[in-house]
N, C-alpha and C. Protein backbone atom coordinates (compact mmCIF):
# COMPACT_ATOMS: atom_id res chain seq x y z
N MET A 1 7.95 -4.08 -11.87
CA MET A 1 6.96 -4.60 -10.93
C MET A 1 6.40 -5.92 -11.45
N THR A 2 6.07 -6.78 -10.52
CA THR A 2 5.54 -8.10 -10.88
C THR A 2 4.29 -8.41 -10.06
N LEU A 3 3.25 -8.86 -10.75
CA LEU A 3 2.04 -9.36 -10.11
C LEU A 3 2.04 -10.88 -10.24
N PHE A 4 1.84 -11.57 -9.13
CA PHE A 4 1.66 -13.01 -9.18
C PHE A 4 0.17 -13.31 -9.04
N ARG A 5 -0.33 -14.12 -9.95
CA ARG A 5 -1.74 -14.50 -9.90
C ARG A 5 -1.88 -16.01 -9.86
N LEU A 6 -2.68 -16.46 -8.91
CA LEU A 6 -2.98 -17.88 -8.78
C LEU A 6 -4.48 -18.09 -8.97
N ASP A 7 -4.84 -19.03 -9.83
CA ASP A 7 -6.23 -19.43 -10.03
C ASP A 7 -6.40 -20.87 -9.57
N ALA A 8 -7.57 -21.16 -9.01
CA ALA A 8 -7.80 -22.51 -8.50
C ALA A 8 -9.09 -23.13 -9.00
N SER A 9 -9.85 -22.42 -9.83
CA SER A 9 -11.09 -22.99 -10.37
C SER A 9 -10.77 -24.18 -11.28
N ILE A 10 -11.61 -25.20 -11.20
CA ILE A 10 -11.42 -26.34 -12.10
C ILE A 10 -12.07 -26.09 -13.45
N ARG A 11 -12.74 -24.96 -13.58
CA ARG A 11 -13.41 -24.62 -14.84
C ARG A 11 -12.48 -23.82 -15.74
N THR A 12 -12.50 -24.14 -17.01
CA THR A 12 -11.72 -23.37 -17.98
C THR A 12 -12.57 -22.30 -18.65
N GLN A 13 -13.89 -22.41 -18.55
CA GLN A 13 -14.81 -21.41 -19.08
C GLN A 13 -15.86 -21.09 -18.02
N GLY A 14 -16.24 -19.83 -17.93
CA GLY A 14 -17.32 -19.45 -17.04
C GLY A 14 -16.98 -19.46 -15.57
N SER A 15 -15.71 -19.32 -15.22
CA SER A 15 -15.31 -19.32 -13.82
C SER A 15 -15.66 -18.00 -13.16
N ALA A 16 -16.43 -18.06 -12.07
CA ALA A 16 -16.81 -16.84 -11.35
C ALA A 16 -15.61 -16.23 -10.64
N SER A 17 -14.75 -17.05 -10.08
CA SER A 17 -13.57 -16.49 -9.39
C SER A 17 -12.61 -15.85 -10.38
N ARG A 18 -12.46 -16.46 -11.54
CA ARG A 18 -11.56 -15.88 -12.55
C ARG A 18 -12.11 -14.55 -13.07
N GLU A 19 -13.42 -14.47 -13.22
CA GLU A 19 -14.03 -13.23 -13.69
C GLU A 19 -13.69 -12.06 -12.76
N ILE A 20 -13.79 -12.28 -11.47
CA ILE A 20 -13.50 -11.21 -10.52
C ILE A 20 -12.01 -10.92 -10.46
N ALA A 21 -11.19 -11.97 -10.47
CA ALA A 21 -9.74 -11.77 -10.45
C ALA A 21 -9.27 -11.03 -11.70
N ASP A 22 -9.95 -11.24 -12.83
CA ASP A 22 -9.61 -10.51 -14.06
C ASP A 22 -9.76 -9.01 -13.85
N ILE A 23 -10.78 -8.61 -13.09
CA ILE A 23 -10.99 -7.19 -12.83
C ILE A 23 -9.86 -6.64 -11.97
N VAL A 24 -9.49 -7.39 -10.94
CA VAL A 24 -8.37 -6.96 -10.10
C VAL A 24 -7.11 -6.82 -10.93
N GLU A 25 -6.83 -7.83 -11.73
CA GLU A 25 -5.63 -7.79 -12.57
C GLU A 25 -5.65 -6.63 -13.55
N SER A 26 -6.80 -6.37 -14.15
CA SER A 26 -6.88 -5.30 -15.15
C SER A 26 -6.60 -3.94 -14.53
N GLU A 27 -7.03 -3.73 -13.29
CA GLU A 27 -6.73 -2.48 -12.61
C GLU A 27 -5.24 -2.37 -12.32
N TRP A 28 -4.62 -3.48 -11.95
CA TRP A 28 -3.18 -3.46 -11.67
C TRP A 28 -2.39 -3.20 -12.95
N THR A 29 -2.75 -3.90 -14.02
CA THR A 29 -2.00 -3.73 -15.27
C THR A 29 -2.24 -2.35 -15.88
N ALA A 30 -3.41 -1.76 -15.63
CA ALA A 30 -3.65 -0.40 -16.14
C ALA A 30 -2.69 0.59 -15.49
N ALA A 31 -2.35 0.35 -14.24
CA ALA A 31 -1.43 1.23 -13.53
C ALA A 31 0.03 0.86 -13.78
N HIS A 32 0.26 -0.36 -14.27
CA HIS A 32 1.63 -0.84 -14.52
C HIS A 32 1.72 -1.44 -15.92
N PRO A 33 1.47 -0.65 -16.95
CA PRO A 33 1.48 -1.19 -18.31
C PRO A 33 2.85 -1.76 -18.68
N GLY A 34 2.80 -2.96 -19.24
CA GLY A 34 4.04 -3.60 -19.66
C GLY A 34 4.76 -4.37 -18.57
N ASP A 35 4.30 -4.26 -17.34
CA ASP A 35 4.95 -5.00 -16.26
C ASP A 35 4.51 -6.47 -16.28
N LYS A 36 5.24 -7.28 -15.55
CA LYS A 36 5.09 -8.73 -15.64
C LYS A 36 3.95 -9.25 -14.77
N VAL A 37 3.20 -10.20 -15.33
CA VAL A 37 2.21 -10.95 -14.58
C VAL A 37 2.60 -12.42 -14.64
N GLU A 38 3.00 -12.97 -13.50
CA GLU A 38 3.33 -14.39 -13.41
C GLU A 38 2.07 -15.15 -13.00
N ARG A 39 1.85 -16.32 -13.59
CA ARG A 39 0.61 -17.05 -13.36
C ARG A 39 0.87 -18.49 -12.96
N ARG A 40 -0.03 -18.98 -12.13
CA ARG A 40 -0.07 -20.41 -11.82
C ARG A 40 -1.54 -20.79 -11.71
N HIS A 41 -1.94 -21.86 -12.38
CA HIS A 41 -3.34 -22.28 -12.38
C HIS A 41 -3.43 -23.68 -11.80
N LEU A 42 -3.74 -23.75 -10.52
CA LEU A 42 -3.79 -25.03 -9.84
C LEU A 42 -4.97 -25.89 -10.26
N GLY A 43 -6.04 -25.25 -10.72
CA GLY A 43 -7.23 -26.01 -11.10
C GLY A 43 -7.04 -26.86 -12.34
N VAL A 44 -6.27 -26.36 -13.30
CA VAL A 44 -6.06 -27.10 -14.55
C VAL A 44 -4.66 -27.70 -14.63
N ASP A 45 -3.77 -27.26 -13.76
CA ASP A 45 -2.41 -27.80 -13.73
C ASP A 45 -2.05 -28.09 -12.27
N PRO A 46 -2.70 -29.09 -11.66
CA PRO A 46 -2.54 -29.34 -10.22
C PRO A 46 -1.16 -29.89 -9.89
N LEU A 47 -0.79 -29.68 -8.63
CA LEU A 47 0.44 -30.24 -8.12
C LEU A 47 0.26 -31.75 -7.90
N PRO A 48 1.32 -32.54 -7.98
CA PRO A 48 1.19 -33.98 -7.74
C PRO A 48 0.63 -34.28 -6.36
N SER A 49 -0.20 -35.27 -6.26
CA SER A 49 -0.88 -35.56 -5.00
C SER A 49 0.07 -36.04 -3.91
N ASP A 50 1.22 -36.61 -4.29
CA ASP A 50 2.13 -37.17 -3.30
C ASP A 50 3.30 -36.24 -2.96
N VAL A 51 3.31 -35.04 -3.55
CA VAL A 51 4.49 -34.19 -3.42
C VAL A 51 4.66 -33.66 -2.00
N TRP A 52 3.54 -33.40 -1.32
CA TRP A 52 3.66 -32.86 0.03
C TRP A 52 4.34 -33.86 0.98
N ALA A 53 3.94 -35.11 0.91
CA ALA A 53 4.55 -36.12 1.78
C ALA A 53 6.05 -36.23 1.53
N HIS A 54 6.45 -36.18 0.27
CA HIS A 54 7.88 -36.24 -0.04
C HIS A 54 8.62 -35.01 0.50
N ALA A 55 7.98 -33.84 0.42
CA ALA A 55 8.62 -32.62 0.91
C ALA A 55 8.76 -32.64 2.42
N VAL A 56 7.74 -33.18 3.11
CA VAL A 56 7.81 -33.27 4.57
C VAL A 56 8.95 -34.19 4.98
N THR A 57 9.03 -35.35 4.40
CA THR A 57 10.10 -36.28 4.78
C THR A 57 11.47 -35.74 4.37
N ALA A 58 11.53 -34.98 3.31
CA ALA A 58 12.81 -34.40 2.88
C ALA A 58 13.37 -33.44 3.92
N SER A 59 12.48 -32.79 4.66
CA SER A 59 12.94 -31.81 5.63
C SER A 59 13.68 -32.44 6.81
N TYR A 60 13.58 -33.76 6.94
CA TYR A 60 14.26 -34.47 8.02
C TYR A 60 15.50 -35.22 7.53
N VAL A 61 15.84 -35.01 6.29
CA VAL A 61 16.95 -35.75 5.69
C VAL A 61 17.96 -34.75 5.12
N PRO A 62 19.26 -34.94 5.36
CA PRO A 62 20.25 -34.08 4.73
C PRO A 62 20.09 -34.08 3.22
N ALA A 63 20.32 -32.93 2.59
CA ALA A 63 20.07 -32.79 1.15
C ALA A 63 20.78 -33.87 0.34
N ALA A 64 21.99 -34.22 0.73
CA ALA A 64 22.76 -35.20 -0.03
C ALA A 64 22.20 -36.61 0.07
N GLU A 65 21.34 -36.84 1.07
CA GLU A 65 20.80 -38.18 1.29
C GLU A 65 19.35 -38.32 0.85
N ARG A 66 18.79 -37.30 0.27
CA ARG A 66 17.38 -37.36 -0.13
C ARG A 66 17.18 -38.26 -1.34
N THR A 67 16.03 -38.91 -1.38
CA THR A 67 15.66 -39.66 -2.57
C THR A 67 15.37 -38.69 -3.71
N PRO A 68 15.35 -39.16 -4.94
CA PRO A 68 15.00 -38.26 -6.05
C PRO A 68 13.64 -37.60 -5.85
N GLU A 69 12.68 -38.36 -5.30
CA GLU A 69 11.35 -37.80 -5.07
C GLU A 69 11.39 -36.71 -4.00
N GLN A 70 12.16 -36.92 -2.95
CA GLN A 70 12.28 -35.91 -1.91
C GLN A 70 12.98 -34.66 -2.43
N ALA A 71 14.02 -34.85 -3.19
CA ALA A 71 14.75 -33.70 -3.74
C ALA A 71 13.86 -32.89 -4.68
N ALA A 72 13.09 -33.58 -5.51
CA ALA A 72 12.21 -32.87 -6.44
C ALA A 72 11.12 -32.12 -5.69
N ALA A 73 10.59 -32.72 -4.64
CA ALA A 73 9.53 -32.07 -3.86
C ALA A 73 10.06 -30.83 -3.14
N ALA A 74 11.23 -30.94 -2.56
CA ALA A 74 11.82 -29.79 -1.88
C ALA A 74 12.12 -28.66 -2.87
N SER A 75 12.56 -29.03 -4.04
CA SER A 75 12.83 -28.03 -5.07
C SER A 75 11.55 -27.34 -5.53
N LEU A 76 10.49 -28.11 -5.68
CA LEU A 76 9.21 -27.53 -6.08
C LEU A 76 8.68 -26.59 -5.01
N ALA A 77 8.77 -26.99 -3.75
CA ALA A 77 8.33 -26.12 -2.66
C ALA A 77 9.08 -24.79 -2.69
N SER A 78 10.38 -24.87 -2.91
CA SER A 78 11.19 -23.65 -2.99
C SER A 78 10.76 -22.77 -4.16
N SER A 79 10.46 -23.39 -5.30
CA SER A 79 10.04 -22.63 -6.49
C SER A 79 8.70 -21.95 -6.27
N LEU A 80 7.77 -22.65 -5.62
CA LEU A 80 6.46 -22.05 -5.35
C LEU A 80 6.58 -20.85 -4.42
N LEU A 81 7.40 -20.98 -3.40
CA LEU A 81 7.60 -19.86 -2.49
C LEU A 81 8.28 -18.70 -3.20
N GLU A 82 9.24 -19.00 -4.06
CA GLU A 82 9.93 -17.94 -4.80
C GLU A 82 8.96 -17.12 -5.66
N GLU A 83 7.95 -17.77 -6.22
CA GLU A 83 6.96 -17.04 -7.00
C GLU A 83 6.30 -15.96 -6.17
N LEU A 84 6.05 -16.25 -4.91
CA LEU A 84 5.44 -15.27 -4.01
C LEU A 84 6.45 -14.21 -3.57
N LEU A 85 7.65 -14.64 -3.23
CA LEU A 85 8.66 -13.70 -2.74
C LEU A 85 9.08 -12.70 -3.81
N GLN A 86 9.13 -13.14 -5.06
CA GLN A 86 9.58 -12.26 -6.14
C GLN A 86 8.50 -11.29 -6.61
N ALA A 87 7.26 -11.54 -6.23
CA ALA A 87 6.16 -10.67 -6.68
C ALA A 87 6.06 -9.44 -5.79
N ASP A 88 5.66 -8.32 -6.41
CA ASP A 88 5.40 -7.10 -5.66
C ASP A 88 3.97 -7.06 -5.15
N ALA A 89 3.09 -7.79 -5.82
CA ALA A 89 1.68 -7.86 -5.44
C ALA A 89 1.14 -9.22 -5.86
N ILE A 90 0.09 -9.65 -5.17
CA ILE A 90 -0.43 -11.00 -5.38
C ILE A 90 -1.94 -10.97 -5.43
N VAL A 91 -2.52 -11.74 -6.35
CA VAL A 91 -3.97 -11.97 -6.36
C VAL A 91 -4.21 -13.47 -6.44
N LEU A 92 -5.06 -13.97 -5.56
CA LEU A 92 -5.38 -15.38 -5.48
C LEU A 92 -6.88 -15.55 -5.71
N ALA A 93 -7.26 -16.36 -6.68
CA ALA A 93 -8.66 -16.60 -7.00
C ALA A 93 -9.01 -18.03 -6.58
N VAL A 94 -9.72 -18.15 -5.46
CA VAL A 94 -9.91 -19.46 -4.83
C VAL A 94 -11.39 -19.67 -4.52
N PRO A 95 -12.10 -20.48 -5.30
CA PRO A 95 -13.51 -20.75 -5.01
C PRO A 95 -13.68 -21.73 -3.86
N LEU A 96 -14.87 -21.68 -3.26
CA LEU A 96 -15.27 -22.66 -2.25
C LEU A 96 -15.74 -23.93 -2.96
N TYR A 97 -15.18 -25.07 -2.56
CA TYR A 97 -15.61 -26.35 -3.11
C TYR A 97 -16.01 -27.29 -1.96
N ASN A 98 -17.24 -27.79 -2.02
CA ASN A 98 -17.69 -28.76 -1.02
C ASN A 98 -17.45 -28.27 0.40
N PHE A 99 -17.72 -26.99 0.60
CA PHE A 99 -17.67 -26.35 1.91
C PHE A 99 -16.26 -26.15 2.45
N GLY A 100 -15.24 -26.36 1.63
CA GLY A 100 -13.87 -26.21 2.12
C GLY A 100 -12.90 -25.78 1.04
N VAL A 101 -11.64 -25.87 1.38
CA VAL A 101 -10.55 -25.53 0.46
C VAL A 101 -10.30 -26.72 -0.46
N SER A 102 -10.17 -26.47 -1.74
CA SER A 102 -9.94 -27.57 -2.67
C SER A 102 -8.60 -28.25 -2.40
N GLN A 103 -8.50 -29.50 -2.78
CA GLN A 103 -7.26 -30.25 -2.58
C GLN A 103 -6.08 -29.58 -3.27
N HIS A 104 -6.34 -28.93 -4.41
CA HIS A 104 -5.25 -28.28 -5.15
C HIS A 104 -4.64 -27.15 -4.33
N VAL A 105 -5.50 -26.35 -3.72
CA VAL A 105 -5.03 -25.20 -2.96
C VAL A 105 -4.38 -25.65 -1.65
N LYS A 106 -4.99 -26.64 -1.00
CA LYS A 106 -4.43 -27.13 0.26
C LYS A 106 -3.04 -27.70 0.04
N THR A 107 -2.85 -28.45 -1.05
CA THR A 107 -1.52 -28.99 -1.35
C THR A 107 -0.53 -27.87 -1.58
N TRP A 108 -0.95 -26.81 -2.27
CA TRP A 108 -0.09 -25.66 -2.54
C TRP A 108 0.38 -25.02 -1.24
N PHE A 109 -0.56 -24.74 -0.33
CA PHE A 109 -0.19 -24.17 0.96
C PHE A 109 0.72 -25.12 1.74
N ASP A 110 0.31 -26.37 1.85
CA ASP A 110 1.09 -27.32 2.63
C ASP A 110 2.51 -27.48 2.11
N LEU A 111 2.64 -27.49 0.80
CA LEU A 111 3.96 -27.67 0.20
C LEU A 111 4.85 -26.46 0.48
N ILE A 112 4.31 -25.27 0.32
CA ILE A 112 5.10 -24.07 0.58
C ILE A 112 5.56 -24.02 2.03
N ILE A 113 4.69 -24.45 2.95
CA ILE A 113 5.03 -24.39 4.37
C ILE A 113 6.17 -25.35 4.73
N THR A 114 6.47 -26.32 3.89
CA THR A 114 7.62 -27.19 4.16
C THR A 114 8.94 -26.49 3.93
N ASP A 115 8.92 -25.37 3.18
CA ASP A 115 10.16 -24.63 2.97
C ASP A 115 10.54 -23.90 4.26
N PRO A 116 11.80 -23.98 4.69
CA PRO A 116 12.19 -23.33 5.96
C PRO A 116 11.88 -21.84 6.01
N ARG A 117 11.83 -21.18 4.86
CA ARG A 117 11.56 -19.74 4.84
C ARG A 117 10.10 -19.42 5.11
N ALA A 118 9.25 -20.45 5.13
CA ALA A 118 7.81 -20.25 5.38
C ALA A 118 7.33 -21.04 6.58
N ALA A 119 8.26 -21.54 7.38
CA ALA A 119 7.90 -22.40 8.52
C ALA A 119 8.42 -21.79 9.82
N GLY A 120 7.97 -22.36 10.92
CA GLY A 120 8.52 -21.99 12.21
C GLY A 120 8.30 -20.54 12.60
N GLY A 121 7.15 -19.98 12.23
CA GLY A 121 6.87 -18.60 12.60
C GLY A 121 7.35 -17.57 11.60
N ALA A 122 8.00 -18.00 10.52
CA ALA A 122 8.43 -17.07 9.48
C ALA A 122 7.20 -16.44 8.83
N ARG A 123 7.32 -15.20 8.40
CA ARG A 123 6.22 -14.47 7.75
C ARG A 123 6.69 -14.06 6.35
N PRO A 124 6.65 -14.99 5.40
CA PRO A 124 7.25 -14.73 4.08
C PRO A 124 6.57 -13.61 3.29
N LEU A 125 5.32 -13.30 3.61
CA LEU A 125 4.62 -12.24 2.89
C LEU A 125 4.44 -11.01 3.76
N ASP A 126 5.29 -10.81 4.74
CA ASP A 126 5.11 -9.74 5.72
C ASP A 126 4.92 -8.37 5.05
N GLY A 127 3.69 -7.84 5.18
CA GLY A 127 3.38 -6.53 4.62
C GLY A 127 3.12 -6.49 3.14
N LYS A 128 3.22 -7.62 2.45
CA LYS A 128 3.03 -7.62 1.00
C LYS A 128 1.54 -7.54 0.67
N PRO A 129 1.15 -6.68 -0.30
CA PRO A 129 -0.27 -6.56 -0.64
C PRO A 129 -0.78 -7.79 -1.39
N VAL A 130 -1.85 -8.37 -0.87
CA VAL A 130 -2.46 -9.57 -1.43
C VAL A 130 -3.96 -9.37 -1.50
N VAL A 131 -4.54 -9.72 -2.64
CA VAL A 131 -5.99 -9.74 -2.79
C VAL A 131 -6.43 -11.19 -2.92
N LEU A 132 -7.33 -11.60 -2.04
CA LEU A 132 -7.93 -12.92 -2.11
C LEU A 132 -9.33 -12.78 -2.70
N VAL A 133 -9.56 -13.41 -3.83
CA VAL A 133 -10.89 -13.47 -4.44
C VAL A 133 -11.48 -14.83 -4.13
N THR A 134 -12.63 -14.85 -3.49
CA THR A 134 -13.27 -16.13 -3.21
C THR A 134 -14.75 -16.06 -3.54
N VAL A 135 -15.28 -17.12 -4.09
CA VAL A 135 -16.69 -17.17 -4.50
C VAL A 135 -17.34 -18.42 -3.94
N ARG A 136 -18.65 -18.31 -3.72
CA ARG A 136 -19.41 -19.42 -3.16
C ARG A 136 -20.71 -19.59 -3.93
N GLY A 137 -21.07 -20.82 -4.23
CA GLY A 137 -22.26 -21.08 -5.03
C GLY A 137 -23.54 -20.71 -4.34
N GLY A 138 -23.59 -20.90 -3.02
CA GLY A 138 -24.77 -20.56 -2.24
C GLY A 138 -24.51 -19.36 -1.36
N ALA A 139 -25.32 -19.24 -0.30
CA ALA A 139 -25.17 -18.14 0.65
C ALA A 139 -24.82 -18.72 2.01
N TYR A 140 -23.83 -18.15 2.67
CA TYR A 140 -23.32 -18.69 3.92
C TYR A 140 -23.25 -17.63 5.02
N GLY A 141 -23.87 -16.48 4.81
CA GLY A 141 -23.80 -15.39 5.77
C GLY A 141 -24.63 -15.64 7.01
N ALA A 142 -24.53 -14.70 7.95
CA ALA A 142 -25.26 -14.80 9.21
C ALA A 142 -26.76 -14.89 8.96
N GLY A 143 -27.39 -15.85 9.61
CA GLY A 143 -28.83 -16.02 9.50
C GLY A 143 -29.28 -16.91 8.37
N THR A 144 -28.36 -17.33 7.49
CA THR A 144 -28.73 -18.23 6.40
C THR A 144 -28.72 -19.67 6.90
N PRO A 145 -29.42 -20.57 6.22
CA PRO A 145 -29.43 -21.98 6.67
C PRO A 145 -28.05 -22.61 6.73
N ARG A 146 -27.12 -22.10 5.93
CA ARG A 146 -25.79 -22.71 5.90
C ARG A 146 -24.73 -21.78 6.52
N GLU A 147 -25.16 -20.95 7.44
CA GLU A 147 -24.19 -20.16 8.20
C GLU A 147 -23.21 -21.11 8.90
N GLY A 148 -21.93 -20.83 8.75
CA GLY A 148 -20.91 -21.67 9.37
C GLY A 148 -20.44 -22.84 8.53
N TRP A 149 -21.04 -23.02 7.36
CA TRP A 149 -20.63 -24.13 6.50
C TRP A 149 -19.42 -23.80 5.61
N ASP A 150 -19.06 -22.55 5.52
CA ASP A 150 -17.90 -22.15 4.73
C ASP A 150 -16.65 -22.39 5.58
N HIS A 151 -15.94 -23.48 5.28
CA HIS A 151 -14.73 -23.81 6.02
C HIS A 151 -13.47 -23.46 5.22
N SER A 152 -13.64 -22.58 4.24
CA SER A 152 -12.51 -22.18 3.40
C SER A 152 -12.02 -20.78 3.71
N THR A 153 -12.91 -19.81 3.72
CA THR A 153 -12.50 -18.40 3.77
C THR A 153 -11.71 -18.09 5.04
N ALA A 154 -12.19 -18.54 6.19
CA ALA A 154 -11.47 -18.25 7.43
C ALA A 154 -10.08 -18.89 7.43
N TYR A 155 -9.98 -20.09 6.87
CA TYR A 155 -8.67 -20.76 6.78
C TYR A 155 -7.72 -19.96 5.91
N LEU A 156 -8.21 -19.53 4.74
CA LEU A 156 -7.37 -18.76 3.83
C LEU A 156 -6.89 -17.46 4.47
N GLU A 157 -7.81 -16.78 5.15
CA GLU A 157 -7.43 -15.54 5.83
C GLU A 157 -6.41 -15.81 6.93
N ARG A 158 -6.60 -16.89 7.66
CA ARG A 158 -5.67 -17.22 8.75
C ARG A 158 -4.26 -17.45 8.23
N ILE A 159 -4.14 -18.24 7.17
CA ILE A 159 -2.81 -18.52 6.63
C ILE A 159 -2.19 -17.27 6.02
N LEU A 160 -2.93 -16.59 5.15
CA LEU A 160 -2.36 -15.47 4.42
C LEU A 160 -2.04 -14.28 5.33
N ARG A 161 -2.98 -13.94 6.21
CA ARG A 161 -2.79 -12.75 7.05
C ARG A 161 -2.01 -13.05 8.32
N ASP A 162 -2.46 -14.06 9.05
CA ASP A 162 -1.91 -14.28 10.38
C ASP A 162 -0.63 -15.11 10.38
N VAL A 163 -0.55 -16.08 9.48
CA VAL A 163 0.65 -16.93 9.44
C VAL A 163 1.71 -16.33 8.53
N TRP A 164 1.32 -15.91 7.33
CA TRP A 164 2.30 -15.39 6.38
C TRP A 164 2.46 -13.88 6.43
N GLY A 165 1.58 -13.17 7.13
CA GLY A 165 1.77 -11.74 7.33
C GLY A 165 1.35 -10.83 6.21
N ALA A 166 0.56 -11.31 5.28
CA ALA A 166 0.17 -10.50 4.13
C ALA A 166 -0.72 -9.32 4.55
N ASP A 167 -0.61 -8.24 3.79
CA ASP A 167 -1.55 -7.13 3.89
C ASP A 167 -2.74 -7.51 3.00
N LEU A 168 -3.74 -8.13 3.61
CA LEU A 168 -4.75 -8.88 2.87
C LEU A 168 -6.05 -8.09 2.68
N THR A 169 -6.56 -8.14 1.43
CA THR A 169 -7.89 -7.65 1.10
C THR A 169 -8.68 -8.82 0.53
N VAL A 170 -9.91 -9.00 1.00
CA VAL A 170 -10.75 -10.12 0.55
C VAL A 170 -11.91 -9.57 -0.26
N VAL A 171 -12.07 -10.12 -1.47
CA VAL A 171 -13.21 -9.79 -2.33
C VAL A 171 -14.05 -11.05 -2.46
N GLU A 172 -15.33 -10.97 -2.08
CA GLU A 172 -16.18 -12.15 -2.03
C GLU A 172 -17.42 -11.98 -2.91
N ARG A 173 -17.89 -13.10 -3.42
CA ARG A 173 -19.17 -13.12 -4.12
C ARG A 173 -19.89 -14.42 -3.76
N GLU A 174 -21.16 -14.30 -3.42
CA GLU A 174 -21.97 -15.47 -3.12
C GLU A 174 -23.06 -15.66 -4.17
N PHE A 175 -23.76 -16.78 -4.06
CA PHE A 175 -24.88 -17.12 -4.94
C PHE A 175 -24.46 -17.21 -6.41
N THR A 176 -23.27 -17.73 -6.67
CA THR A 176 -22.84 -17.88 -8.07
C THR A 176 -23.62 -18.96 -8.81
N LEU A 177 -24.32 -19.83 -8.06
CA LEU A 177 -25.10 -20.88 -8.71
C LEU A 177 -26.54 -20.46 -9.00
N VAL A 178 -26.89 -19.24 -8.64
CA VAL A 178 -28.20 -18.73 -9.04
C VAL A 178 -28.21 -18.58 -10.56
N GLY A 179 -29.25 -19.12 -11.19
CA GLY A 179 -29.29 -19.17 -12.65
C GLY A 179 -28.78 -20.48 -13.20
N VAL A 180 -28.15 -21.26 -12.33
CA VAL A 180 -27.65 -22.58 -12.71
C VAL A 180 -28.48 -23.67 -12.02
N VAL A 181 -28.74 -23.47 -10.74
CA VAL A 181 -29.54 -24.41 -9.95
C VAL A 181 -30.97 -23.86 -9.83
N PRO A 182 -31.96 -24.52 -10.41
CA PRO A 182 -33.33 -23.99 -10.40
C PRO A 182 -33.87 -23.68 -9.01
N ALA A 183 -33.46 -24.41 -8.00
CA ALA A 183 -33.96 -24.19 -6.65
C ALA A 183 -33.58 -22.82 -6.10
N LEU A 184 -32.62 -22.16 -6.74
CA LEU A 184 -32.17 -20.85 -6.28
C LEU A 184 -32.76 -19.70 -7.10
N ASP A 185 -33.70 -19.98 -7.97
CA ASP A 185 -34.24 -18.96 -8.87
C ASP A 185 -34.87 -17.78 -8.12
N ASP A 186 -35.38 -18.01 -6.92
CA ASP A 186 -36.02 -16.92 -6.17
C ASP A 186 -35.02 -15.86 -5.73
N PHE A 187 -33.74 -16.16 -5.85
CA PHE A 187 -32.72 -15.23 -5.35
C PHE A 187 -32.01 -14.48 -6.47
N LYS A 188 -32.63 -14.42 -7.66
CA LYS A 188 -31.96 -13.80 -8.80
C LYS A 188 -31.62 -12.34 -8.55
N ASP A 189 -32.53 -11.58 -7.98
CA ASP A 189 -32.26 -10.16 -7.76
C ASP A 189 -31.14 -9.97 -6.75
N LEU A 190 -31.18 -10.73 -5.67
CA LEU A 190 -30.12 -10.63 -4.67
C LEU A 190 -28.78 -11.06 -5.24
N ALA A 191 -28.78 -12.11 -6.04
CA ALA A 191 -27.54 -12.57 -6.65
C ALA A 191 -26.96 -11.53 -7.59
N ALA A 192 -27.83 -10.85 -8.33
CA ALA A 192 -27.38 -9.80 -9.23
C ALA A 192 -26.74 -8.65 -8.45
N GLN A 193 -27.32 -8.32 -7.32
CA GLN A 193 -26.75 -7.27 -6.47
C GLN A 193 -25.38 -7.68 -5.94
N MET A 194 -25.28 -8.92 -5.52
CA MET A 194 -24.00 -9.42 -5.03
C MET A 194 -22.94 -9.44 -6.12
N HIS A 195 -23.36 -9.81 -7.32
CA HIS A 195 -22.44 -9.84 -8.47
C HIS A 195 -21.90 -8.44 -8.74
N SER A 196 -22.79 -7.47 -8.78
CA SER A 196 -22.39 -6.09 -9.04
C SER A 196 -21.48 -5.56 -7.93
N ALA A 197 -21.83 -5.87 -6.67
CA ALA A 197 -21.02 -5.41 -5.55
C ALA A 197 -19.63 -6.02 -5.59
N ALA A 198 -19.54 -7.28 -6.01
CA ALA A 198 -18.23 -7.93 -6.11
C ALA A 198 -17.37 -7.27 -7.17
N HIS A 199 -17.99 -6.89 -8.28
CA HIS A 199 -17.24 -6.18 -9.33
C HIS A 199 -16.70 -4.86 -8.80
N ASP A 200 -17.56 -4.12 -8.09
CA ASP A 200 -17.12 -2.84 -7.53
C ASP A 200 -15.97 -3.04 -6.55
N ALA A 201 -16.10 -4.05 -5.69
CA ALA A 201 -15.05 -4.32 -4.71
C ALA A 201 -13.76 -4.74 -5.40
N ALA A 202 -13.87 -5.50 -6.47
CA ALA A 202 -12.68 -5.94 -7.21
C ALA A 202 -11.97 -4.76 -7.85
N ARG A 203 -12.72 -3.82 -8.39
CA ARG A 203 -12.09 -2.63 -8.98
C ARG A 203 -11.34 -1.83 -7.92
N GLU A 204 -11.96 -1.65 -6.77
CA GLU A 204 -11.31 -0.90 -5.70
C GLU A 204 -10.08 -1.64 -5.18
N ALA A 205 -10.20 -2.96 -5.04
CA ALA A 205 -9.07 -3.76 -4.57
C ALA A 205 -7.92 -3.71 -5.57
N GLY A 206 -8.26 -3.77 -6.87
CA GLY A 206 -7.21 -3.72 -7.88
C GLY A 206 -6.48 -2.40 -7.90
N LYS A 207 -7.22 -1.31 -7.73
CA LYS A 207 -6.59 0.01 -7.68
C LYS A 207 -5.68 0.14 -6.47
N ALA A 208 -6.15 -0.37 -5.32
CA ALA A 208 -5.33 -0.31 -4.11
C ALA A 208 -4.09 -1.18 -4.24
N LEU A 209 -4.25 -2.34 -4.88
CA LEU A 209 -3.13 -3.24 -5.10
C LEU A 209 -2.07 -2.58 -5.97
N ALA A 210 -2.53 -1.88 -6.99
CA ALA A 210 -1.61 -1.20 -7.90
C ALA A 210 -0.87 -0.06 -7.23
N ALA A 211 -1.52 0.58 -6.27
CA ALA A 211 -0.93 1.74 -5.62
C ALA A 211 -0.03 1.36 -4.45
N ALA A 212 -0.16 0.11 -3.98
CA ALA A 212 0.58 -0.30 -2.77
C ALA A 212 2.08 -0.35 -3.05
């Protein structure tokens, strides 16, 4: 069995998304001791910024006529998709940045979609168990001042579940900046509750991922 894990935090220490994904992974590895965990960390090892454009143009050119840049981009897209196809289960740790999806994650999605196996209505993750871990520094729920400002989570769910067909579970945590930003100090108790609830949800998601 193989678990594929993708991290997107730009932080190497103290990452809230990585903390929760670690719990999911630990539950999976407890049920599959010795099995393989493949990793990709987009936050610290980002994809080239121009690779998507080269991959798009490559799709309109016969393989023998592609430039070296187009050939390399198409090959990378294929490799990224293979990481997903070869995995039995997937966990993605993707924080909210500036109210949207980070450039690293968007490039990853866009590049994979250039592969014919992930385009044109194909569902490359059809039925595959996937856990999406996402964290937000503030609060974006119904009735909050920033309700509707999260332009990441719905996009991620749309691509993973509706476009790629994944059997998706979402584990969320909000108010990760409480204790960091003084203006949020009044929400310490609520943030602690959310933190604890996210850990509980991650444990349950990891167990379900392992059993799928």
